[in-house]
Amino acid sequence: MSSKMVVQQPQALMVNRESQEWGSGICDCCEDVPECCFAFWCCPCFACMVSKRYGECLCLPLIDMWGFIPPANMAMRVSMRERYGIRGTMCRDCLCAGFCTVCSWCQMSREMKRRNIQVVMVNAKNT
């Protein structure tokens, strides 16, 4: 006689109770002037810091130096829209990433601060 044991792990569920819009506009640099100044004068360093805070590889934005549309900026905008349930289109993300790169990184940083959602590692082992 054989018996089957079915085990189902609980799944993570993220309930979005925030607005479906960006918390600030693409050119709302006056909301955080020191951060925007840092981004303007040293965008690669700022982008790396934002990427790390978001839970991605620290060096990911460095691939943005080649090409017209920065791939890391574009990917992070799309990911952030999906994670936070923000309405938008890939076409608009492409335009923001291509023409307003510094402002785009600032907007994503302000959004993370506003939502203040911590990155939680699942299945992480304590050593």
N, C-alpha and C. Protein backbone atom coordinates (compact mmCIF):
# COMPACT_ATOMS: atom_id res chain seq x y z
N MET A 1 0.84 -1.17 0.00
CA MET A 1 0.00 0.00 0.00
C MET A 1 0.89 1.23 0.00
N SER A 2 0.65 2.07 -0.92
CA SER A 2 1.45 3.28 -1.02
C SER A 2 0.57 4.49 -0.77
N SER A 3 1.12 5.44 -0.11
CA SER A 3 0.36 6.66 0.16
C SER A 3 1.15 7.86 -0.32
N LYS A 4 0.46 8.83 -0.80
CA LYS A 4 1.11 10.05 -1.28
C LYS A 4 0.90 11.15 -0.25
N MET A 5 1.96 11.89 -0.05
CA MET A 5 1.84 13.03 0.83
C MET A 5 2.06 14.28 -0.02
N VAL A 6 1.09 15.13 -0.02
CA VAL A 6 1.16 16.34 -0.81
C VAL A 6 1.47 17.50 0.13
N VAL A 7 2.54 18.18 -0.19
CA VAL A 7 2.93 19.33 0.63
C VAL A 7 2.93 20.55 -0.26
N GLN A 8 2.22 21.56 0.14
CA GLN A 8 2.19 22.79 -0.62
C GLN A 8 2.66 23.93 0.28
N GLN A 9 3.69 24.62 -0.17
CA GLN A 9 4.24 25.72 0.59
C GLN A 9 3.36 26.96 0.41
N PRO A 10 3.24 27.75 1.46
CA PRO A 10 2.47 29.00 1.28
C PRO A 10 3.19 29.91 0.30
N GLN A 11 2.43 30.57 -0.51
CA GLN A 11 2.97 31.46 -1.52
C GLN A 11 2.94 32.90 -1.03
N ALA A 12 3.93 33.67 -1.45
CA ALA A 12 3.98 35.08 -1.08
C ALA A 12 2.89 35.83 -1.83
N LEU A 13 2.29 36.75 -1.15
CA LEU A 13 1.23 37.56 -1.74
C LEU A 13 1.51 39.00 -1.39
N MET A 14 1.59 39.82 -2.40
CA MET A 14 1.81 41.24 -2.16
C MET A 14 0.54 41.98 -2.50
N VAL A 15 -0.03 42.61 -1.51
CA VAL A 15 -1.25 43.37 -1.72
C VAL A 15 -0.85 44.82 -1.91
N ASN A 16 -1.27 45.37 -3.00
CA ASN A 16 -0.92 46.75 -3.32
C ASN A 16 -2.04 47.66 -2.86
N ARG A 17 -1.77 48.47 -1.85
CA ARG A 17 -2.77 49.40 -1.35
C ARG A 17 -2.41 50.83 -1.72
N GLU A 18 -1.41 50.98 -2.55
CA GLU A 18 -0.95 52.30 -2.95
C GLU A 18 -1.64 52.72 -4.24
N SER A 19 -1.34 53.93 -4.65
CA SER A 19 -1.85 54.46 -5.90
C SER A 19 -1.27 53.69 -7.08
N GLN A 20 -1.97 53.71 -8.18
CA GLN A 20 -1.48 53.05 -9.38
C GLN A 20 -0.68 54.01 -10.25
N GLU A 21 -0.28 55.11 -9.70
CA GLU A 21 0.51 56.10 -10.42
C GLU A 21 1.85 56.28 -9.71
N TRP A 22 2.82 56.85 -10.41
CA TRP A 22 4.09 57.18 -9.78
C TRP A 22 3.83 58.20 -8.69
N GLY A 23 4.57 58.12 -7.61
CA GLY A 23 4.39 59.04 -6.49
C GLY A 23 4.84 60.45 -6.82
N SER A 24 5.68 60.59 -7.83
CA SER A 24 6.15 61.91 -8.25
C SER A 24 6.36 61.87 -9.76
N GLY A 25 6.36 63.03 -10.36
CA GLY A 25 6.54 63.11 -11.80
C GLY A 25 8.01 62.93 -12.19
N ILE A 26 8.24 62.73 -13.45
CA ILE A 26 9.60 62.49 -13.95
C ILE A 26 10.50 63.70 -13.72
N CYS A 27 9.95 64.90 -13.69
CA CYS A 27 10.76 66.10 -13.51
C CYS A 27 10.55 66.77 -12.15
N ASP A 28 10.10 66.04 -11.16
CA ASP A 28 9.87 66.59 -9.82
C ASP A 28 11.14 66.55 -8.97
N CYS A 29 12.20 67.10 -9.50
CA CYS A 29 13.49 67.06 -8.80
C CYS A 29 13.50 67.90 -7.53
N CYS A 30 12.59 68.87 -7.44
CA CYS A 30 12.56 69.72 -6.25
C CYS A 30 12.08 68.97 -5.01
N GLU A 31 11.52 67.79 -5.17
CA GLU A 31 11.07 67.01 -4.02
C GLU A 31 12.24 66.48 -3.21
N ASP A 32 13.37 66.27 -3.84
CA ASP A 32 14.57 65.80 -3.15
C ASP A 32 15.79 66.39 -3.85
N VAL A 33 16.06 67.65 -3.58
CA VAL A 33 17.11 68.39 -4.29
C VAL A 33 18.50 67.78 -4.10
N PRO A 34 18.92 67.42 -2.86
CA PRO A 34 20.26 66.84 -2.72
C PRO A 34 20.45 65.57 -3.54
N GLU A 35 19.45 64.73 -3.55
CA GLU A 35 19.53 63.48 -4.30
C GLU A 35 19.61 63.76 -5.80
N CYS A 36 18.82 64.69 -6.28
CA CYS A 36 18.83 65.01 -7.70
C CYS A 36 20.14 65.66 -8.12
N CYS A 37 20.72 66.47 -7.24
CA CYS A 37 22.03 67.06 -7.54
C CYS A 37 23.09 65.96 -7.65
N PHE A 38 23.05 65.02 -6.73
CA PHE A 38 23.99 63.90 -6.77
C PHE A 38 23.82 63.13 -8.08
N ALA A 39 22.56 62.87 -8.46
CA ALA A 39 22.28 62.13 -9.70
C ALA A 39 22.77 62.91 -10.92
N PHE A 40 22.59 64.23 -10.91
CA PHE A 40 23.01 65.06 -12.04
C PHE A 40 24.53 65.06 -12.19
N TRP A 41 25.27 65.20 -11.09
CA TRP A 41 26.72 65.31 -11.16
C TRP A 41 27.42 63.97 -11.26
N CYS A 42 26.79 62.91 -10.77
CA CYS A 42 27.43 61.58 -10.84
C CYS A 42 26.37 60.50 -11.03
N CYS A 43 25.73 60.53 -12.18
CA CYS A 43 24.63 59.60 -12.46
C CYS A 43 25.03 58.13 -12.35
N PRO A 44 26.21 57.70 -12.84
CA PRO A 44 26.55 56.29 -12.71
C PRO A 44 26.60 55.82 -11.25
N CYS A 45 27.19 56.64 -10.37
CA CYS A 45 27.26 56.27 -8.94
C CYS A 45 25.86 56.23 -8.34
N PHE A 46 25.05 57.24 -8.66
CA PHE A 46 23.69 57.30 -8.13
C PHE A 46 22.86 56.11 -8.60
N ALA A 47 22.95 55.80 -9.89
CA ALA A 47 22.19 54.68 -10.46
C ALA A 47 22.59 53.36 -9.80
N CYS A 48 23.88 53.19 -9.54
CA CYS A 48 24.34 51.97 -8.86
C CYS A 48 23.76 51.87 -7.45
N MET A 49 23.70 52.99 -6.75
CA MET A 49 23.13 52.99 -5.40
C MET A 49 21.64 52.65 -5.42
N VAL A 50 20.91 53.22 -6.37
CA VAL A 50 19.47 52.95 -6.48
C VAL A 50 19.25 51.47 -6.82
N SER A 51 20.04 50.95 -7.73
CA SER A 51 19.93 49.55 -8.12
C SER A 51 20.17 48.63 -6.93
N LYS A 52 21.18 48.93 -6.15
CA LYS A 52 21.49 48.12 -4.96
C LYS A 52 20.35 48.19 -3.95
N ARG A 53 19.81 49.40 -3.71
CA ARG A 53 18.69 49.55 -2.76
C ARG A 53 17.46 48.80 -3.22
N TYR A 54 17.29 48.67 -4.53
CA TYR A 54 16.13 47.97 -5.10
C TYR A 54 16.28 46.45 -4.98
N GLY A 55 17.51 46.00 -4.70
CA GLY A 55 17.74 44.57 -4.55
C GLY A 55 18.39 43.94 -5.76
N GLU A 56 18.87 44.76 -6.68
CA GLU A 56 19.54 44.26 -7.88
C GLU A 56 21.04 44.38 -7.71
N CYS A 57 21.77 43.89 -8.71
CA CYS A 57 23.23 43.95 -8.70
C CYS A 57 23.70 45.40 -8.69
N LEU A 58 24.68 45.69 -7.86
CA LEU A 58 25.22 47.03 -7.73
C LEU A 58 25.72 47.58 -9.06
N CYS A 59 26.33 46.75 -9.88
CA CYS A 59 26.94 47.19 -11.14
C CYS A 59 25.99 47.15 -12.34
N LEU A 60 24.76 46.77 -12.15
CA LEU A 60 23.80 46.64 -13.25
C LEU A 60 23.69 47.91 -14.10
N PRO A 61 23.59 49.10 -13.52
CA PRO A 61 23.45 50.30 -14.35
C PRO A 61 24.66 50.63 -15.21
N LEU A 62 25.79 50.02 -14.95
CA LEU A 62 26.98 50.34 -15.74
C LEU A 62 26.84 49.89 -17.19
N ILE A 63 25.91 48.96 -17.47
CA ILE A 63 25.69 48.56 -18.87
C ILE A 63 24.92 49.62 -19.64
N ASP A 64 24.41 50.63 -18.94
CA ASP A 64 23.67 51.70 -19.61
C ASP A 64 24.54 52.61 -20.46
N MET A 65 25.84 52.48 -20.35
CA MET A 65 26.74 53.39 -21.07
C MET A 65 26.75 53.16 -22.58
N TRP A 66 26.23 52.03 -23.04
CA TRP A 66 26.25 51.72 -24.46
C TRP A 66 24.83 51.72 -25.00
N GLY A 67 24.65 52.32 -26.14
CA GLY A 67 23.35 52.30 -26.80
C GLY A 67 22.52 53.52 -26.48
N PHE A 68 21.46 53.69 -27.23
CA PHE A 68 20.59 54.85 -27.09
C PHE A 68 19.64 54.69 -25.91
N ILE A 69 19.02 53.53 -25.80
CA ILE A 69 18.09 53.28 -24.70
C ILE A 69 18.83 52.49 -23.63
N PRO A 70 19.03 53.07 -22.45
CA PRO A 70 19.75 52.37 -21.38
C PRO A 70 18.97 51.14 -20.91
N PRO A 71 19.49 49.94 -21.14
CA PRO A 71 18.74 48.72 -20.81
C PRO A 71 18.47 48.54 -19.31
N ALA A 72 19.40 48.90 -18.45
CA ALA A 72 19.18 48.71 -17.01
C ALA A 72 18.11 49.67 -16.51
N ASN A 73 18.14 50.91 -16.96
CA ASN A 73 17.13 51.89 -16.56
C ASN A 73 15.75 51.42 -17.01
N MET A 74 15.68 51.00 -18.25
CA MET A 74 14.41 50.51 -18.80
C MET A 74 13.89 49.31 -18.01
N ALA A 75 14.76 48.34 -17.76
CA ALA A 75 14.36 47.13 -17.04
C ALA A 75 13.91 47.44 -15.61
N MET A 76 14.63 48.35 -14.94
CA MET A 76 14.26 48.70 -13.56
C MET A 76 12.92 49.43 -13.52
N ARG A 77 12.67 50.31 -14.49
CA ARG A 77 11.38 51.01 -14.53
C ARG A 77 10.23 50.02 -14.71
N VAL A 78 10.40 49.10 -15.65
CA VAL A 78 9.35 48.10 -15.89
C VAL A 78 9.16 47.23 -14.65
N SER A 79 10.26 46.79 -14.05
CA SER A 79 10.19 45.97 -12.84
C SER A 79 9.51 46.71 -11.70
N MET A 80 9.85 47.97 -11.52
CA MET A 80 9.27 48.76 -10.44
C MET A 80 7.78 48.97 -10.66
N ARG A 81 7.39 49.22 -11.92
CA ARG A 81 5.96 49.36 -12.21
C ARG A 81 5.21 48.09 -11.88
N GLU A 82 5.80 46.95 -12.24
CA GLU A 82 5.16 45.67 -11.96
C GLU A 82 5.10 45.39 -10.45
N ARG A 83 6.20 45.63 -9.75
CA ARG A 83 6.26 45.34 -8.31
C ARG A 83 5.28 46.20 -7.53
N TYR A 84 5.17 47.47 -7.87
CA TYR A 84 4.33 48.39 -7.11
C TYR A 84 2.94 48.59 -7.72
N GLY A 85 2.68 47.95 -8.86
CA GLY A 85 1.36 48.06 -9.48
C GLY A 85 1.10 49.43 -10.09
N ILE A 86 2.14 50.04 -10.63
CA ILE A 86 2.01 51.37 -11.23
C ILE A 86 1.61 51.21 -12.70
N ARG A 87 0.60 51.97 -13.09
CA ARG A 87 0.18 51.92 -14.49
C ARG A 87 1.22 52.59 -15.37
N GLY A 88 1.30 52.14 -16.59
CA GLY A 88 2.23 52.72 -17.56
C GLY A 88 2.43 51.77 -18.72
N THR A 89 3.26 52.19 -19.64
CA THR A 89 3.54 51.36 -20.81
C THR A 89 5.05 51.24 -21.00
N MET A 90 5.44 50.21 -21.71
CA MET A 90 6.86 50.05 -22.01
C MET A 90 7.33 51.16 -22.94
N CYS A 91 6.46 51.67 -23.77
CA CYS A 91 6.82 52.77 -24.66
C CYS A 91 7.19 54.01 -23.84
N ARG A 92 6.39 54.33 -22.84
CA ARG A 92 6.69 55.49 -21.98
C ARG A 92 7.97 55.24 -21.18
N ASP A 93 8.15 54.02 -20.69
CA ASP A 93 9.39 53.68 -19.97
C ASP A 93 10.59 53.86 -20.88
N CYS A 94 10.44 53.45 -22.12
CA CYS A 94 11.52 53.58 -23.11
C CYS A 94 11.86 55.05 -23.35
N LEU A 95 10.85 55.90 -23.46
CA LEU A 95 11.07 57.33 -23.67
C LEU A 95 11.75 57.96 -22.45
N CYS A 96 11.28 57.61 -21.26
CA CYS A 96 11.88 58.15 -20.03
C CYS A 96 13.33 57.70 -19.89
N ALA A 97 13.58 56.43 -20.15
CA ALA A 97 14.94 55.89 -20.02
C ALA A 97 15.87 56.49 -21.07
N GLY A 98 15.37 56.73 -22.26
CA GLY A 98 16.21 57.22 -23.34
C GLY A 98 16.46 58.71 -23.32
N PHE A 99 15.45 59.49 -22.94
CA PHE A 99 15.59 60.95 -23.02
C PHE A 99 15.77 61.63 -21.67
N CYS A 100 15.38 60.98 -20.59
CA CYS A 100 15.45 61.59 -19.25
C CYS A 100 16.10 60.62 -18.28
N THR A 101 17.26 60.11 -18.61
CA THR A 101 17.89 59.06 -17.81
C THR A 101 18.09 59.47 -16.36
N VAL A 102 18.68 60.61 -16.13
CA VAL A 102 18.95 61.06 -14.76
C VAL A 102 17.65 61.26 -14.00
N CYS A 103 16.67 61.92 -14.63
CA CYS A 103 15.37 62.14 -13.98
C CYS A 103 14.66 60.83 -13.70
N SER A 104 14.83 59.86 -14.59
CA SER A 104 14.22 58.56 -14.40
C SER A 104 14.77 57.85 -13.17
N TRP A 105 16.11 57.88 -12.99
CA TRP A 105 16.72 57.27 -11.80
C TRP A 105 16.25 57.99 -10.53
N CYS A 106 16.14 59.32 -10.60
CA CYS A 106 15.65 60.07 -9.43
C CYS A 106 14.22 59.71 -9.10
N GLN A 107 13.38 59.58 -10.12
CA GLN A 107 11.98 59.22 -9.90
C GLN A 107 11.87 57.84 -9.24
N MET A 108 12.67 56.88 -9.71
CA MET A 108 12.62 55.54 -9.12
C MET A 108 13.10 55.57 -7.67
N SER A 109 14.11 56.36 -7.37
CA SER A 109 14.60 56.47 -6.01
C SER A 109 13.53 57.07 -5.10
N ARG A 110 12.87 58.14 -5.56
CA ARG A 110 11.80 58.76 -4.76
C ARG A 110 10.66 57.78 -4.53
N GLU A 111 10.37 56.97 -5.54
CA GLU A 111 9.27 56.00 -5.40
C GLU A 111 9.59 54.96 -4.33
N MET A 112 10.84 54.48 -4.31
CA MET A 112 11.22 53.50 -3.29
C MET A 112 11.16 54.12 -1.91
N LYS A 113 11.60 55.36 -1.77
CA LYS A 113 11.53 56.04 -0.47
C LYS A 113 10.09 56.22 -0.04
N ARG A 114 9.24 56.64 -0.96
CA ARG A 114 7.84 56.90 -0.65
C ARG A 114 7.11 55.64 -0.22
N ARG A 115 7.35 54.57 -0.91
CA ARG A 115 6.66 53.31 -0.59
C ARG A 115 7.30 52.58 0.57
N ASN A 116 8.59 52.81 0.77
CA ASN A 116 9.33 52.24 1.90
C ASN A 116 9.06 50.75 2.08
N ILE A 117 9.12 49.99 1.00
CA ILE A 117 8.92 48.54 1.06
C ILE A 117 10.29 47.88 1.09
N GLN A 118 10.53 47.11 2.13
CA GLN A 118 11.80 46.44 2.29
C GLN A 118 11.86 45.20 1.41
N VAL A 119 13.04 44.89 0.89
CA VAL A 119 13.24 43.68 0.11
C VAL A 119 13.40 42.53 1.09
N VAL A 120 12.62 41.47 0.91
CA VAL A 120 12.67 40.31 1.80
C VAL A 120 13.23 39.12 1.03
N MET A 121 14.26 38.52 1.57
CA MET A 121 14.85 37.36 0.95
C MET A 121 14.08 36.11 1.38
N VAL A 122 13.58 35.36 0.42
CA VAL A 122 12.85 34.14 0.68
C VAL A 122 13.78 32.96 0.47
N ASN A 123 13.68 31.97 1.30
CA ASN A 123 14.51 30.77 1.24
C ASN A 123 15.99 31.06 1.54
N ALA A 124 16.25 32.14 2.26
CA ALA A 124 17.62 32.46 2.64
C ALA A 124 18.00 31.61 3.86
N LYS A 125 19.18 31.05 3.83
CA LYS A 125 19.64 30.22 4.94
C LYS A 125 20.54 31.04 5.85
N ASN A 126 20.34 30.90 7.15
CA ASN A 126 21.22 31.55 8.11
C ASN A 126 22.47 30.71 8.27
N THR A 127 23.62 31.34 8.24
CA THR A 127 24.86 30.59 8.41
C THR A 127 25.53 31.01 9.69
